[in-house]
C-alpha atoms as a PDB file:
ATOM      1  CA  MET A   1     -12.306 -32.146  33.124  1.00  0.00           C
ATOM      2  CA  GLU A   2     -14.832 -30.406  30.986  1.00  0.00           C
ATOM      3  CA  ASP A   3     -18.210 -29.267  32.246  1.00  0.00           C
ATOM      4  CA  LEU A   4     -21.044 -28.361  29.879  1.00  0.00           C
ATOM      5  CA  ASP A   5     -24.159 -26.268  30.497  1.00  0.00           C
ATOM      6  CA  LEU A   6     -27.079 -26.030  28.085  1.00  0.00           C
ATOM      7  CA  ILE A   7     -29.839 -23.486  28.710  1.00  0.00           C
ATOM      8  CA  LYS A   8     -33.070 -22.960  26.760  1.00  0.00           C
ATOM      9  CA  ARG A   9     -35.810 -20.471  27.563  1.00  0.00           C
ATOM     10  CA  PHE A  10     -39.351 -21.144  26.311  1.00  0.00           C
ATOM     11  CA  SER A  11     -41.897 -18.338  26.225  1.00  0.00           C
ATOM     12  CA  ILE A  12     -45.281 -19.656  27.401  1.00  0.00           C
ATOM     13  CA  ALA A  13     -47.206 -16.398  27.708  1.00  0.00           C
ATOM     14  CA  GLU A  14     -46.391 -12.682  27.628  1.00  0.00           C
ATOM     15  CA  LYS A  15     -44.768 -12.672  31.077  1.00  0.00           C
ATOM     16  CA  VAL A  16     -44.341 -16.397  31.706  1.00  0.00           C
ATOM     17  CA  ASN A  17     -41.201 -18.300  30.728  1.00  0.00           C
ATOM     18  CA  LEU A  18     -39.997 -21.843  31.269  1.00  0.00           C
ATOM     19  CA  LEU A  19     -36.238 -22.200  31.691  1.00  0.00           C
ATOM     20  CA  VAL A  20     -34.693 -25.637  31.073  1.00  0.00           C
ATOM     21  CA  ARG A  21     -31.078 -26.079  32.132  1.00  0.00           C
ATOM     22  CA  MET A  22     -28.959 -29.205  31.622  1.00  0.00           C
ATOM     23  CA  ASP A  23     -25.599 -29.459  33.405  1.00  0.00           C
ATOM     24  CA  TYR A  24     -23.021 -32.151  32.698  1.00  0.00           C
ATOM     25  CA  PHE A  25     -19.972 -32.568  34.903  1.00  0.00           C
ATOM     26  CA  ASN A  26     -16.901 -34.342  33.477  1.00  0.00           C
ATOM     27  CA  ALA A  27     -18.784 -34.470  30.175  1.00  0.00           C
ATOM     28  CA  PHE A  28     -16.136 -36.479  28.305  1.00  0.00           C
ATOM     29  CA  ASN A  29     -15.597 -38.870  31.245  1.00  0.00           C
ATOM     30  CA  ARG A  30     -11.868 -38.215  31.477  1.00  0.00           C
ATOM     31  CA  THR A  31      -9.640 -39.650  34.184  1.00  0.00           C
ATOM     32  CA  ILE A  32      -6.989 -37.395  35.668  1.00  0.00           C
ATOM     33  CA  PRO A  33      -4.002 -39.407  36.939  1.00  0.00           C
ATOM     34  CA  ASN A  34      -1.862 -38.606  39.955  1.00  0.00           C
ATOM     35  CA  GLY A  35       1.653 -37.373  39.360  1.00  0.00           C
ATOM     36  CA  PRO A  36       4.532 -39.777  38.676  1.00  0.00           C
ATOM     37  CA  ASP A  37       6.318 -41.705  41.437  1.00  0.00           C
ATOM     38  CA  THR A  38       9.070 -39.446  42.803  1.00  0.00           C
ATOM     39  CA  ASN A  39      10.827 -41.976  45.053  1.00  0.00           C
ATOM     40  CA  ILE A  40      14.086 -42.679  43.203  1.00  0.00           C
ATOM     41  CA  SER A  41      14.630 -46.006  44.999  1.00  0.00           C
ATOM     42  CA  ASP A  42      11.320 -47.501  43.754  1.00  0.00           C
ATOM     43  CA  SER A  43      11.190 -49.745  40.716  1.00  0.00           C
ATOM     44  CA  THR A  44       8.242 -47.627  39.492  1.00  0.00           C
ATOM     45  CA  PHE A  45      10.183 -44.341  39.621  1.00  0.00           C
ATOM     46  CA  GLY A  46       8.790 -41.885  37.080  1.00  0.00           C
ATOM     47  CA  GLU A  47       5.668 -43.966  36.361  1.00  0.00           C
ATOM     48  CA  VAL A  48       2.071 -42.973  37.001  1.00  0.00           C
ATOM     49  CA  THR A  49       0.609 -45.859  38.991  1.00  0.00           C
ATOM     50  CA  SER A  50      -2.759 -44.561  40.221  1.00  0.00           C
ATOM     51  CA  GLU A  51      -5.718 -42.354  39.355  1.00  0.00           C
ATOM     52  CA  GLY A  52      -6.332 -39.066  41.082  1.00  0.00           C
ATOM     53  CA  SER A  53      -8.532 -38.999  44.142  1.00  0.00           C
ATOM     54  CA  GLY A  54     -11.921 -37.316  44.075  1.00  0.00           C
ATOM     55  CA  ILE A  55     -12.426 -37.875  40.356  1.00  0.00           C
ATOM     56  CA  ILE A  56     -16.099 -38.197  39.529  1.00  0.00           C
ATOM     57  CA  ASN A  57     -17.591 -40.061  36.619  1.00  0.00           C
ATOM     58  CA  ARG A  58     -19.799 -38.267  34.125  1.00  0.00           C
ATOM     59  CA  GLN A  59     -22.828 -36.851  35.894  1.00  0.00           C
ATOM     60  CA  GLY A  60     -25.716 -34.723  34.740  1.00  0.00           C
ATOM     61  CA  GLN A  61     -28.688 -32.880  36.100  1.00  0.00           C
ATOM     62  CA  VAL A  62     -31.708 -31.138  34.595  1.00  0.00           C
ATOM     63  CA  THR A  63     -33.396 -28.108  36.135  1.00  0.00           C
ATOM     64  CA  PHE A  64     -36.810 -26.682  35.212  1.00  0.00           C
ATOM     65  CA  ARG A  65     -37.714 -23.179  36.349  1.00  0.00           C
ATOM     66  CA  LEU A  66     -40.983 -21.346  35.776  1.00  0.00           C
ATOM     67  CA  GLU A  67     -40.522 -17.568  35.711  1.00  0.00           C
ATOM     68  CA  PHE A  68     -43.446 -15.161  35.999  1.00  0.00           C
END
């Protein structure tokens, strides 16, 4: 999975800044599969039959911070 962070600082006054931060998790919305079936007696031996657990879809958040 790829995560992306974008940060931009805007100067408002001499000692006042606005920081805008955008975070994207799983930016390309990739699915990570589980490993292949290792039970040699199964008909699906060697095949990937399910997605990994705990995989999140693409998510993002924006943060604004005023620094003075």
